[in-house]
Amino acid sequence: MTLGFASMETVTIIGYLAAFCSMTSFTPQAWKIIKTRDTSSISAPMYALTVLGFALWLAFGLLKAEWPIIITNGVCLILSAFILLMTVLPGAKREAVADAIDPTGRGGDTSPR
C-alpha cells in the first residue's frame, strides 16, 4: 500500500527513527548533570511539564495497547524524570545520586569540585 509519495515501509522506518531520536535526546543532558552535578541552567517547570506530557502519552499508549507509544514514552518519561529529580534535589543529595551512578566522580573529570 502506498501513501501518496511514501510507502508504508518508509513511514514505519521514519517512525522508528523518530522514536529513537526522542528516546536518546535526553541522554546527553542526563549525562552532563551526572558529570558536572550542575543543574543551574535547567528549568524545573519546563521539565515538570515534559514529565507530565510523557506520563500522559504513556497512559494513552497503555489504554490503546500501542507498544511503540508505550516504549518510547516510557523511556522518555524515565530520562526526563531523572533530569527533573536532579534539578529539584538539594546539592548534597544530587551529588550522592551522581556519585552512585558514576562513582569515579564527575564522569572521569579530575578537576576539583
PDB file of N, CA and C in Angstrom:
ATOM      1  N   MET A   1       0.844  -1.182   0.000  1.00  0.00           N
ATOM      2  CA  MET A   1       0.000   0.000   0.000  1.00  0.00           C
ATOM      3  C   MET A   1       0.890   1.247   0.000  1.00  0.00           C
ATOM      4  N   THR A   2       0.550   2.212  -0.796  1.00  0.00           N
ATOM      5  CA  THR A   2       1.312   3.454  -0.818  1.00  0.00           C
ATOM      6  C   THR A   2       0.498   4.571  -0.204  1.00  0.00           C
ATOM      7  N   LEU A   3       1.184   5.513   0.349  1.00  0.00           N
ATOM      8  CA  LEU A   3       0.552   6.671   0.973  1.00  0.00           C
ATOM      9  C   LEU A   3       0.912   7.915   0.177  1.00  0.00           C
ATOM     10  N   GLY A   4       0.562   7.907  -1.093  1.00  0.00           N
ATOM     11  CA  GLY A   4       0.933   9.024  -1.944  1.00  0.00           C
ATOM     12  C   GLY A   4       2.385   8.900  -2.346  1.00  0.00           C
ATOM     13  N   PHE A   5       3.250   9.622  -1.664  1.00  0.00           N
ATOM     14  CA  PHE A   5       4.662   9.655  -2.026  1.00  0.00           C
ATOM     15  C   PHE A   5       5.517   8.669  -1.244  1.00  0.00           C
ATOM     16  N   ALA A   6       4.996   8.091  -0.182  1.00  0.00           N
ATOM     17  CA  ALA A   6       5.807   7.209   0.660  1.00  0.00           C
ATOM     18  C   ALA A   6       5.098   5.889   0.902  1.00  0.00           C
ATOM     19  N   SER A   7       5.879   4.813   0.879  1.00  0.00           N
ATOM     20  CA  SER A   7       5.303   3.505   1.169  1.00  0.00           C
ATOM     21  C   SER A   7       5.123   3.347   2.674  1.00  0.00           C
ATOM     22  N   MET A   8       4.328   2.379   3.061  1.00  0.00           N
ATOM     23  CA  MET A   8       4.111   2.107   4.480  1.00  0.00           C
ATOM     24  C   MET A   8       5.430   1.734   5.153  1.00  0.00           C
ATOM     25  N   GLU A   9       6.307   1.034   4.439  1.00  0.00           N
ATOM     26  CA  GLU A   9       7.610   0.669   4.986  1.00  0.00           C
ATOM     27  C   GLU A   9       8.436   1.929   5.287  1.00  0.00           C
ATOM     28  N   THR A  10       8.412   2.908   4.406  1.00  0.00           N
ATOM     29  CA  THR A  10       9.127   4.161   4.616  1.00  0.00           C
ATOM     30  C   THR A  10       8.559   4.898   5.824  1.00  0.00           C
ATOM     31  N   VAL A  11       7.257   4.916   5.947  1.00  0.00           N
ATOM     32  CA  VAL A  11       6.603   5.566   7.083  1.00  0.00           C
ATOM     33  C   VAL A  11       7.014   4.890   8.387  1.00  0.00           C
ATOM     34  N   THR A  12       7.060   3.563   8.397  1.00  0.00           N
ATOM     35  CA  THR A  12       7.459   2.814   9.585  1.00  0.00           C
ATOM     36  C   THR A  12       8.906   3.120   9.965  1.00  0.00           C
ATOM     37  N   ILE A  13       9.783   3.163   8.981  1.00  0.00           N
ATOM     38  CA  ILE A  13      11.193   3.482   9.247  1.00  0.00           C
ATOM     39  C   ILE A  13      11.316   4.883   9.827  1.00  0.00           C
ATOM     40  N   ILE A  14      10.589   5.838   9.272  1.00  0.00           N
ATOM     41  CA  ILE A  14      10.611   7.210   9.797  1.00  0.00           C
ATOM     42  C   ILE A  14      10.116   7.223  11.245  1.00  0.00           C
ATOM     43  N   GLY A  15       9.075   6.450  11.534  1.00  0.00           N
ATOM     44  CA  GLY A  15       8.554   6.353  12.897  1.00  0.00           C
ATOM     45  C   GLY A  15       9.579   5.798  13.870  1.00  0.00           C
ATOM     46  N   TYR A  16      10.281   4.739  13.465  1.00  0.00           N
ATOM     47  CA  TYR A  16      11.317   4.161  14.322  1.00  0.00           C
ATOM     48  C   TYR A  16      12.462   5.143  14.542  1.00  0.00           C
ATOM     49  N   LEU A  17      12.870   5.852  13.496  1.00  0.00           N
ATOM     50  CA  LEU A  17      13.936   6.844  13.646  1.00  0.00           C
ATOM     51  C   LEU A  17      13.509   7.978  14.577  1.00  0.00           C
ATOM     52  N   ALA A  18      12.263   8.420  14.447  1.00  0.00           N
ATOM     53  CA  ALA A  18      11.751   9.477  15.328  1.00  0.00           C
ATOM     54  C   ALA A  18      11.725   8.995  16.780  1.00  0.00           C
ATOM     55  N   ALA A  19      11.278   7.771  16.998  1.00  0.00           N
ATOM     56  CA  ALA A  19      11.238   7.209  18.354  1.00  0.00           C
ATOM     57  C   ALA A  19      12.643   7.114  18.937  1.00  0.00           C
ATOM     58  N   PHE A  20      13.599   6.666  18.134  1.00  0.00           N
ATOM     59  CA  PHE A  20      14.982   6.559  18.598  1.00  0.00           C
ATOM     60  C   PHE A  20      15.531   7.934  18.985  1.00  0.00           C
ATOM     61  N   CYS A  21      15.294   8.924  18.127  1.00  0.00           N
ATOM     62  CA  CYS A  21      15.760  10.287  18.427  1.00  0.00           C
ATOM     63  C   CYS A  21      15.119  10.819  19.709  1.00  0.00           C
ATOM     64  N   SER A  22      13.826  10.605  19.861  1.00  0.00           N
ATOM     65  CA  SER A  22      13.132  11.073  21.061  1.00  0.00           C
ATOM     66  C   SER A  22      13.689  10.415  22.318  1.00  0.00           C
ATOM     67  N   MET A  23      13.897   9.112  22.256  1.00  0.00           N
ATOM     68  CA  MET A  23      14.362   8.384  23.434  1.00  0.00           C
ATOM     69  C   MET A  23      15.794   8.746  23.808  1.00  0.00           C
ATOM     70  N   THR A  24      16.628   9.013  22.843  1.00  0.00           N
ATOM     71  CA  THR A  24      18.026   9.297  23.149  1.00  0.00           C
ATOM     72  C   THR A  24      18.301  10.787  23.360  1.00  0.00           C
ATOM     73  N   SER A  25      17.338  11.637  23.064  1.00  0.00           N
ATOM     74  CA  SER A  25      17.577  13.082  23.145  1.00  0.00           C
ATOM     75  C   SER A  25      17.865  13.570  24.566  1.00  0.00           C
ATOM     76  N   PHE A  26      17.381  12.875  25.571  1.00  0.00           N
ATOM     77  CA  PHE A  26      17.588  13.298  26.953  1.00  0.00           C
ATOM     78  C   PHE A  26      18.903  12.770  27.536  1.00  0.00           C
ATOM     79  N   THR A  27      19.508  11.804  26.891  1.00  0.00           N
ATOM     80  CA  THR A  27      20.719  11.184  27.409  1.00  0.00           C
ATOM     81  C   THR A  27      21.880  12.168  27.574  1.00  0.00           C
ATOM     82  N   PRO A  28      22.184  13.028  26.583  1.00  0.00           N
ATOM     83  CA  PRO A  28      23.302  13.962  26.795  1.00  0.00           C
ATOM     84  C   PRO A  28      23.087  14.893  27.986  1.00  0.00           C
ATOM     85  N   GLN A  29      21.863  15.364  28.192  1.00  0.00           N
ATOM     86  CA  GLN A  29      21.594  16.252  29.327  1.00  0.00           C
ATOM     87  C   GLN A  29      21.746  15.506  30.642  1.00  0.00           C
ATOM     88  N   ALA A  30      21.208  14.290  30.700  1.00  0.00           N
ATOM     89  CA  ALA A  30      21.322  13.494  31.926  1.00  0.00           C
ATOM     90  C   ALA A  30      22.788  13.212  32.246  1.00  0.00           C
ATOM     91  N   TRP A  31      23.578  12.845  31.234  1.00  0.00           N
ATOM     92  CA  TRP A  31      24.987  12.547  31.475  1.00  0.00           C
ATOM     93  C   TRP A  31      25.754  13.799  31.889  1.00  0.00           C
ATOM     94  N   LYS A  32      25.409  14.945  31.295  1.00  0.00           N
ATOM     95  CA  LYS A  32      26.069  16.198  31.672  1.00  0.00           C
ATOM     96  C   LYS A  32      25.804  16.516  33.146  1.00  0.00           C
ATOM     97  N   ILE A  33      24.589  16.283  33.599  1.00  0.00           N
ATOM     98  CA  ILE A  33      24.258  16.508  35.011  1.00  0.00           C
ATOM     99  C   ILE A  33      25.067  15.572  35.901  1.00  0.00           C
ATOM    100  N   ILE A  34      25.184  14.318  35.493  1.00  0.00           N
ATOM    101  CA  ILE A  34      25.963  13.359  36.280  1.00  0.00           C
ATOM    102  C   ILE A  34      27.427  13.797  36.329  1.00  0.00           C
ATOM    103  N   LYS A  35      27.965  14.234  35.209  1.00  0.00           N
ATOM    104  CA  LYS A  35      29.375  14.644  35.150  1.00  0.00           C
ATOM    105  C   LYS A  35      29.645  15.920  35.930  1.00  0.00           C
ATOM    106  N   THR A  36      28.797  16.924  35.746  1.00  0.00           N
ATOM    107  CA  THR A  36      29.082  18.243  36.319  1.00  0.00           C
ATOM    108  C   THR A  36      28.386  18.486  37.652  1.00  0.00           C
ATOM    109  N   ARG A  37      27.321  17.723  37.919  1.00  0.00           N
ATOM    110  CA  ARG A  37      26.479  17.922  39.109  1.00  0.00           C
ATOM    111  C   ARG A  37      25.781  19.287  39.073  1.00  0.00           C
ATOM    112  N   ASP A  38      25.790  19.940  37.923  1.00  0.00           N
ATOM    113  CA  ASP A  38      25.240  21.284  37.794  1.00  0.00           C
ATOM    114  C   ASP A  38      23.894  21.245  37.080  1.00  0.00           C
ATOM    115  N   THR A  39      22.872  21.770  37.738  1.00  0.00           N
ATOM    116  CA  THR A  39      21.539  21.862  37.128  1.00  0.00           C
ATOM    117  C   THR A  39      21.032  23.302  37.123  1.00  0.00           C
ATOM    118  N   SER A  40      21.928  24.243  37.343  1.00  0.00           N
ATOM    119  CA  SER A  40      21.503  25.644  37.482  1.00  0.00           C
ATOM    120  C   SER A  40      20.839  26.201  36.227  1.00  0.00           C
ATOM    121  N   SER A  41      21.160  25.662  35.072  1.00  0.00           N
ATOM    122  CA  SER A  41      20.559  26.187  33.846  1.00  0.00           C
ATOM    123  C   SER A  41      19.346  25.382  33.383  1.00  0.00           C
ATOM    124  N   ILE A  42      18.915  24.419  34.193  1.00  0.00           N
ATOM    125  CA  ILE A  42      17.757  23.585  33.847  1.00  0.00           C
ATOM    126  C   ILE A  42      16.494  24.231  34.402  1.00  0.00           C
ATOM    127  N   SER A  43      15.463  24.307  33.590  1.00  0.00           N
ATOM    128  CA  SER A  43      14.181  24.859  34.020  1.00  0.00           C
ATOM    129  C   SER A  43      13.317  23.739  34.614  1.00  0.00           C
ATOM    130  N   ALA A  44      13.137  23.763  35.926  1.00  0.00           N
ATOM    131  CA  ALA A  44      12.314  22.749  36.588  1.00  0.00           C
ATOM    132  C   ALA A  44      10.867  22.774  36.091  1.00  0.00           C
ATOM    133  N   PRO A  45      10.229  23.958  35.940  1.00  0.00           N
ATOM    134  CA  PRO A  45       8.853  23.948  35.432  1.00  0.00           C
ATOM    135  C   PRO A  45       8.745  23.343  34.023  1.00  0.00           C
ATOM    136  N   MET A  46       9.720  23.613  33.170  1.00  0.00           N
ATOM    137  CA  MET A  46       9.696  23.041  31.819  1.00  0.00           C
ATOM    138  C   MET A  46       9.791  21.521  31.885  1.00  0.00           C
ATOM    139  N   TYR A  47      10.711  21.021  32.723  1.00  0.00           N
ATOM    140  CA  TYR A  47      10.855  19.570  32.835  1.00  0.00           C
ATOM    141  C   TYR A  47       9.649  18.949  33.531  1.00  0.00           C
ATOM    142  N   ALA A  48       9.008  19.658  34.454  1.00  0.00           N
ATOM    143  CA  ALA A  48       7.785  19.141  35.091  1.00  0.00           C
ATOM    144  C   ALA A  48       6.691  18.950  34.043  1.00  0.00           C
ATOM    145  N   LEU A  49       6.551  19.918  33.145  1.00  0.00           N
ATOM    146  CA  LEU A  49       5.560  19.788  32.067  1.00  0.00           C
ATOM    147  C   LEU A  49       5.936  18.670  31.104  1.00  0.00           C
ATOM    148  N   THR A  50       7.220  18.538  30.819  1.00  0.00           N
ATOM    149  CA  THR A  50       7.686  17.469  29.934  1.00  0.00           C
ATOM    150  C   THR A  50       7.394  16.102  30.548  1.00  0.00           C
ATOM    151  N   VAL A  51       7.685  15.951  31.835  1.00  0.00           N
ATOM    152  CA  VAL A  51       7.408  14.687  32.533  1.00  0.00           C
ATOM    153  C   VAL A  51       5.909  14.388  32.508  1.00  0.00           C
ATOM    154  N   LEU A  52       5.098  15.402  32.795  1.00  0.00           N
ATOM    155  CA  LEU A  52       3.647  15.210  32.750  1.00  0.00           C
ATOM    156  C   LEU A  52       3.192  14.796  31.344  1.00  0.00           C
ATOM    157  N   GLY A  53       3.729  15.451  30.336  1.00  0.00           N
ATOM    158  CA  GLY A  53       3.377  15.096  28.954  1.00  0.00           C
ATOM    159  C   GLY A  53       3.725  13.655  28.631  1.00  0.00           C
ATOM    160  N   PHE A  54       4.930  13.225  28.999  1.00  0.00           N
ATOM    161  CA  PHE A  54       5.317  11.832  28.736  1.00  0.00           C
ATOM    162  C   PHE A  54       4.472  10.856  29.540  1.00  0.00           C
ATOM    163  N   ALA A  55       4.121  11.213  30.773  1.00  0.00           N
ATOM    164  CA  ALA A  55       3.249  10.347  31.577  1.00  0.00           C
ATOM    165  C   ALA A  55       1.886  10.193  30.913  1.00  0.00           C
ATOM    166  N   LEU A  56       1.361  11.291  30.392  1.00  0.00           N
ATOM    167  CA  LEU A  56       0.059  11.231  29.709  1.00  0.00           C
ATOM    168  C   LEU A  56       0.152  10.433  28.407  1.00  0.00           C
ATOM    169  N   TRP A  57       1.236  10.633  27.650  1.00  0.00           N
ATOM    170  CA  TRP A  57       1.416   9.835  26.426  1.00  0.00           C
ATOM    171  C   TRP A  57       1.564   8.357  26.766  1.00  0.00           C
ATOM    172  N   LEU A  58       2.256   8.057  27.858  1.00  0.00           N
ATOM    173  CA  LEU A  58       2.389   6.666  28.280  1.00  0.00           C
ATOM    174  C   LEU A  58       1.023   6.084  28.645  1.00  0.00           C
ATOM    175  N   ALA A  59       0.222   6.850  29.398  1.00  0.00           N
ATOM    176  CA  ALA A  59      -1.131   6.391  29.746  1.00  0.00           C
ATOM    177  C   ALA A  59      -1.961   6.167  28.482  1.00  0.00           C
ATOM    178  N   PHE A  60      -1.854   7.070  27.530  1.00  0.00           N
ATOM    179  CA  PHE A  60      -2.563   6.941  26.248  1.00  0.00           C
ATOM    180  C   PHE A  60      -2.151   5.647  25.551  1.00  0.00           C
ATOM    181  N   GLY A  61      -0.831   5.411  25.491  1.00  0.00           N
ATOM    182  CA  GLY A  61      -0.335   4.195  24.849  1.00  0.00           C
ATOM    183  C   GLY A  61      -0.814   2.934  25.553  1.00  0.00           C
ATOM    184  N   LEU A  62      -0.816   2.973  26.885  1.00  0.00           N
ATOM    185  CA  LEU A  62      -1.295   1.815  27.644  1.00  0.00           C
ATOM    186  C   LEU A  62      -2.780   1.566  27.397  1.00  0.00           C
ATOM    187  N   LEU A  63      -3.567   2.633  27.393  1.00  0.00           N
ATOM    188  CA  LEU A  63      -5.013   2.486  27.157  1.00  0.00           C
ATOM    189  C   LEU A  63      -5.320   1.958  25.761  1.00  0.00           C
ATOM    190  N   LYS A  64      -4.488   2.316  24.803  1.00  0.00           N
ATOM    191  CA  LYS A  64      -4.687   1.853  23.424  1.00  0.00           C
ATOM    192  C   LYS A  64      -3.897   0.576  23.120  1.00  0.00           C
ATOM    193  N   ALA A  65      -3.073   0.128  24.093  1.00  0.00           N
ATOM    194  CA  ALA A  65      -2.219  -1.051  23.915  1.00  0.00           C
ATOM    195  C   ALA A  65      -1.319  -0.903  22.685  1.00  0.00           C
ATOM    196  N   GLU A  66      -0.733   0.271  22.525  1.00  0.00           N
ATOM    197  CA  GLU A  66       0.155   0.572  21.394  1.00  0.00           C
ATOM    198  C   GLU A  66       1.598   0.547  21.886  1.00  0.00           C
ATOM    199  N   TRP A  67       2.295  -0.559  21.638  1.00  0.00           N
ATOM    200  CA  TRP A  67       3.639  -0.743  22.166  1.00  0.00           C
ATOM    201  C   TRP A  67       4.648   0.307  21.716  1.00  0.00           C
ATOM    202  N   PRO A  68       4.616   0.774  20.470  1.00  0.00           N
ATOM    203  CA  PRO A  68       5.574   1.824  20.108  1.00  0.00           C
ATOM    204  C   PRO A  68       5.406   3.092  20.958  1.00  0.00           C
ATOM    205  N   ILE A  69       4.169   3.449  21.260  1.00  0.00           N
ATOM    206  CA  ILE A  69       3.905   4.627  22.100  1.00  0.00           C
ATOM    207  C   ILE A  69       4.318   4.346  23.539  1.00  0.00           C
ATOM    208  N   ILE A  70       4.031   3.151  24.028  1.00  0.00           N
ATOM    209  CA  ILE A  70       4.366   2.770  25.400  1.00  0.00           C
ATOM    210  C   ILE A  70       5.874   2.789  25.616  1.00  0.00           C
ATOM    211  N   ILE A  71       6.607   2.137  24.748  1.00  0.00           N
ATOM    212  CA  ILE A  71       8.056   2.025  24.925  1.00  0.00           C
ATOM    213  C   ILE A  71       8.728   3.390  24.796  1.00  0.00           C
ATOM    214  N   THR A  72       8.422   4.100  23.734  1.00  0.00           N
ATOM    215  CA  THR A  72       9.061   5.394  23.501  1.00  0.00           C
ATOM    216  C   THR A  72       8.797   6.357  24.653  1.00  0.00           C
ATOM    217  N   ASN A  73       7.549   6.493  25.042  1.00  0.00           N
ATOM    218  CA  ASN A  73       7.215   7.452  26.090  1.00  0.00           C
ATOM    219  C   ASN A  73       7.618   6.967  27.476  1.00  0.00           C
ATOM    220  N   GLY A  74       7.676   5.662  27.682  1.00  0.00           N
ATOM    221  CA  GLY A  74       8.190   5.134  28.946  1.00  0.00           C
ATOM    222  C   GLY A  74       9.658   5.482  29.137  1.00  0.00           C
ATOM    223  N   VAL A  75      10.463   5.287  28.092  1.00  0.00           N
ATOM    224  CA  VAL A  75      11.887   5.627  28.169  1.00  0.00           C
ATOM    225  C   VAL A  75      12.064   7.134  28.350  1.00  0.00           C
ATOM    226  N   CYS A  76      11.336   7.927  27.559  1.00  0.00           N
ATOM    227  CA  CYS A  76      11.431   9.390  27.678  1.00  0.00           C
ATOM    228  C   CYS A  76      10.986   9.861  29.062  1.00  0.00           C
ATOM    229  N   LEU A  77       9.959   9.227  29.617  1.00  0.00           N
ATOM    230  CA  LEU A  77       9.489   9.581  30.962  1.00  0.00           C
ATOM    231  C   LEU A  77      10.581   9.331  31.999  1.00  0.00           C
ATOM    232  N   ILE A  78      11.228   8.188  31.926  1.00  0.00           N
ATOM    233  CA  ILE A  78      12.279   7.862  32.891  1.00  0.00           C
ATOM    234  C   ILE A  78      13.430   8.865  32.804  1.00  0.00           C
ATOM    235  N   LEU A  79      13.887   9.140  31.599  1.00  0.00           N
ATOM    236  CA  LEU A  79      15.028  10.053  31.444  1.00  0.00           C
ATOM    237  C   LEU A  79      14.679  11.485  31.843  1.00  0.00           C
ATOM    238  N   SER A  80      13.511  11.966  31.415  1.00  0.00           N
ATOM    239  CA  SER A  80      13.145  13.339  31.767  1.00  0.00           C
ATOM    240  C   SER A  80      12.828  13.460  33.261  1.00  0.00           C
ATOM    241  N   ALA A  81      12.266  12.409  33.863  1.00  0.00           N
ATOM    242  CA  ALA A  81      12.002  12.432  35.305  1.00  0.00           C
ATOM    243  C   ALA A  81      13.316  12.441  36.083  1.00  0.00           C
ATOM    244  N   PHE A  82      14.325  11.737  35.589  1.00  0.00           N
ATOM    245  CA  PHE A  82      15.640  11.762  36.233  1.00  0.00           C
ATOM    246  C   PHE A  82      16.212  13.180  36.205  1.00  0.00           C
ATOM    247  N   ILE A  83      16.121  13.837  35.052  1.00  0.00           N
ATOM    248  CA  ILE A  83      16.637  15.203  34.934  1.00  0.00           C
ATOM    249  C   ILE A  83      15.870  16.133  35.873  1.00  0.00           C
ATOM    250  N   LEU A  84      14.544  15.999  35.917  1.00  0.00           N
ATOM    251  CA  LEU A  84      13.743  16.818  36.827  1.00  0.00           C
ATOM    252  C   LEU A  84      14.138  16.552  38.283  1.00  0.00           C
ATOM    253  N   LEU A  85      14.268  15.288  38.644  1.00  0.00           N
ATOM    254  CA  LEU A  85      14.652  14.937  40.011  1.00  0.00           C
ATOM    255  C   LEU A  85      15.998  15.563  40.372  1.00  0.00           C
ATOM    256  N   MET A  86      16.967  15.438  39.495  1.00  0.00           N
ATOM    257  CA  MET A  86      18.288  16.004  39.759  1.00  0.00           C
ATOM    258  C   MET A  86      18.228  17.527  39.855  1.00  0.00           C
ATOM    259  N   THR A  87      17.291  18.131  39.154  1.00  0.00           N
ATOM    260  CA  THR A  87      17.147  19.588  39.178  1.00  0.00           C
ATOM    261  C   THR A  87      16.573  20.075  40.501  1.00  0.00           C
ATOM    262  N   VAL A  88      15.651  19.329  41.083  1.00  0.00           N
ATOM    263  CA  VAL A  88      14.987  19.784  42.308  1.00  0.00           C
ATOM    264  C   VAL A  88      15.660  19.270  43.588  1.00  0.00           C
ATOM    265  N   LEU A  89      16.557  18.285  43.459  1.00  0.00           N
ATOM    266  CA  LEU A  89      17.256  17.777  44.646  1.00  0.00           C
ATOM    267  C   LEU A  89      18.233  18.823  45.181  1.00  0.00           C
ATOM    268  N   PRO A  90      18.359  18.890  46.506  1.00  0.00           N
ATOM    269  CA  PRO A  90      19.419  19.751  47.072  1.00  0.00           C
ATOM    270  C   PRO A  90      20.790  19.240  46.624  1.00  0.00           C
ATOM    271  N   GLY A  91      21.771  20.128  46.624  1.00  0.00           N
ATOM    272  CA  GLY A  91      23.102  19.822  46.112  1.00  0.00           C
ATOM    273  C   GLY A  91      23.722  18.549  46.657  1.00  0.00           C
ATOM    274  N   ALA A  92      23.660  18.331  47.964  1.00  0.00           N
ATOM    275  CA  ALA A  92      24.284  17.149  48.563  1.00  0.00           C
ATOM    276  C   ALA A  92      23.622  15.859  48.081  1.00  0.00           C
ATOM    277  N   LYS A  93      22.310  15.865  47.975  1.00  0.00           N
ATOM    278  CA  LYS A  93      21.608  14.663  47.503  1.00  0.00           C
ATOM    279  C   LYS A  93      21.876  14.441  46.013  1.00  0.00           C
ATOM    280  N   ARG A  94      21.925  15.537  45.239  1.00  0.00           N
ATOM    281  CA  ARG A  94      22.241  15.438  43.809  1.00  0.00           C
ATOM    282  C   ARG A  94      23.636  14.815  43.646  1.00  0.00           C
ATOM    283  N   GLU A  95      24.589  15.269  44.476  1.00  0.00           N
ATOM    284  CA  GLU A  95      25.953  14.712  44.458  1.00  0.00           C
ATOM    285  C   GLU A  95      25.918  13.216  44.771  1.00  0.00           C
ATOM    286  N   ALA A  96      25.129  12.826  45.768  1.00  0.00           N
ATOM    287  CA  ALA A  96      25.055  11.419  46.173  1.00  0.00           C
ATOM    288  C   ALA A  96      24.499  10.555  45.042  1.00  0.00           C
ATOM    289  N   VAL A  97      23.459  11.034  44.383  1.00  0.00           N
ATOM    290  CA  VAL A  97      22.874  10.273  43.269  1.00  0.00           C
ATOM    291  C   VAL A  97      23.896  10.158  42.143  1.00  0.00           C
ATOM    292  N   ALA A  98      24.525  11.278  41.786  1.00  0.00           N
ATOM    293  CA  ALA A  98      25.518  11.258  40.712  1.00  0.00           C
ATOM    294  C   ALA A  98      26.693  10.353  41.072  1.00  0.00           C
ATOM    295  N   ASP A  99      27.129  10.384  42.330  1.00  0.00           N
ATOM    296  CA  ASP A  99      28.223   9.510  42.774  1.00  0.00           C
ATOM    297  C   ASP A  99      27.821   8.035  42.701  1.00  0.00           C
ATOM    298  N   ALA A 100      26.560   7.736  42.993  1.00  0.00           N
ATOM    299  CA  ALA A 100      26.085   6.352  42.906  1.00  0.00           C
ATOM    300  C   ALA A 100      26.093   5.854  41.464  1.00  0.00           C
ATOM    301  N   ILE A 101      25.789   6.746  40.536  1.00  0.00           N
ATOM    302  CA  ILE A 101      25.771   6.367  39.121  1.00  0.00           C
ATOM    303  C   ILE A 101      27.184   6.341  38.549  1.00  0.00           C
ATOM    304  N   ASP A 102      27.986   7.320  38.930  1.00  0.00           N
ATOM    305  CA  ASP A 102      29.357   7.425  38.439  1.00  0.00           C
ATOM    306  C   ASP A 102      30.301   7.579  39.630  1.00  0.00           C
ATOM    307  N   PRO A 103      30.663   6.461  40.276  1.00  0.00           N
ATOM    308  CA  PRO A 103      31.462   6.542  41.499  1.00  0.00           C
ATOM    309  C   PRO A 103      32.877   7.093  41.290  1.00  0.00           C
ATOM    310  N   THR A 104      33.351   7.127  40.056  1.00  0.00           N
ATOM    311  CA  THR A 104      34.674   7.683  39.815  1.00  0.00           C
ATOM    312  C   THR A 104      34.661   9.192  39.941  1.00  0.00           C
ATOM    313  N   GLY A 105      33.482   9.778  39.973  1.00  0.00           N
ATOM    314  CA  GLY A 105      33.336  11.202  40.172  1.00  0.00           C
ATOM    315  C   GLY A 105      33.456  12.018  38.913  1.00  0.00           C
ATOM    316  N   ARG A 106      32.444  12.798  38.652  1.00  0.00           N
ATOM    317  CA  ARG A 106      32.411  13.755  37.554  1.00  0.00           C
ATOM    318  C   ARG A 106      32.727  13.134  36.199  1.00  0.00           C
ATOM    319  N   GLY A 107      32.221  11.950  35.964  1.00  0.00           N
ATOM    320  CA  GLY A 107      32.335  11.334  34.644  1.00  0.00           C
ATOM    321  C   GLY A 107      33.765  11.176  34.163  1.00  0.00           C
ATOM    322  N   GLY A 108      34.687  11.003  35.101  1.00  0.00           N
ATOM    323  CA  GLY A 108      36.082  10.876  34.729  1.00  0.00           C
ATOM    324  C   GLY A 108      36.822  12.193  34.770  1.00  0.00           C
ATOM    325  N   ASP A 109      36.115  13.294  35.009  1.00  0.00           N
ATOM    326  CA  ASP A 109      36.732  14.616  35.116  1.00  0.00           C
ATOM    327  C   ASP A 109      37.513  14.666  36.426  1.00  0.00           C
ATOM    328  N   THR A 110      38.764  15.039  36.365  1.00  0.00           N
ATOM    329  CA  THR A 110      39.589  15.064  37.556  1.00  0.00           C
ATOM    330  C   THR A 110      39.748  16.459  38.131  1.00  0.00           C
ATOM    331  N   SER A 111      39.007  17.424  37.581  1.00  0.00           N
ATOM    332  CA  SER A 111      39.109  18.785  38.112  1.00  0.00           C
ATOM    333  C   SER A 111      38.473  18.852  39.493  1.00  0.00           C
ATOM    334  N   PRO A 112      38.906  19.787  40.339  1.00  0.00           N
ATOM    335  CA  PRO A 112      38.362  19.864  41.701  1.00  0.00           C
ATOM    336  C   PRO A 112      36.890  20.213  41.689  1.00  0.00           C
ATOM    337  N   ARG A 113      36.186  19.728  42.693  1.00  0.00           N
ATOM    338  CA  ARG A 113      34.752  20.011  42.805  1.00  0.00           C
ATOM    339  C   ARG A 113      34.607  21.324  43.421  1.00  0.00           C
TER     340      ARG A 113
END
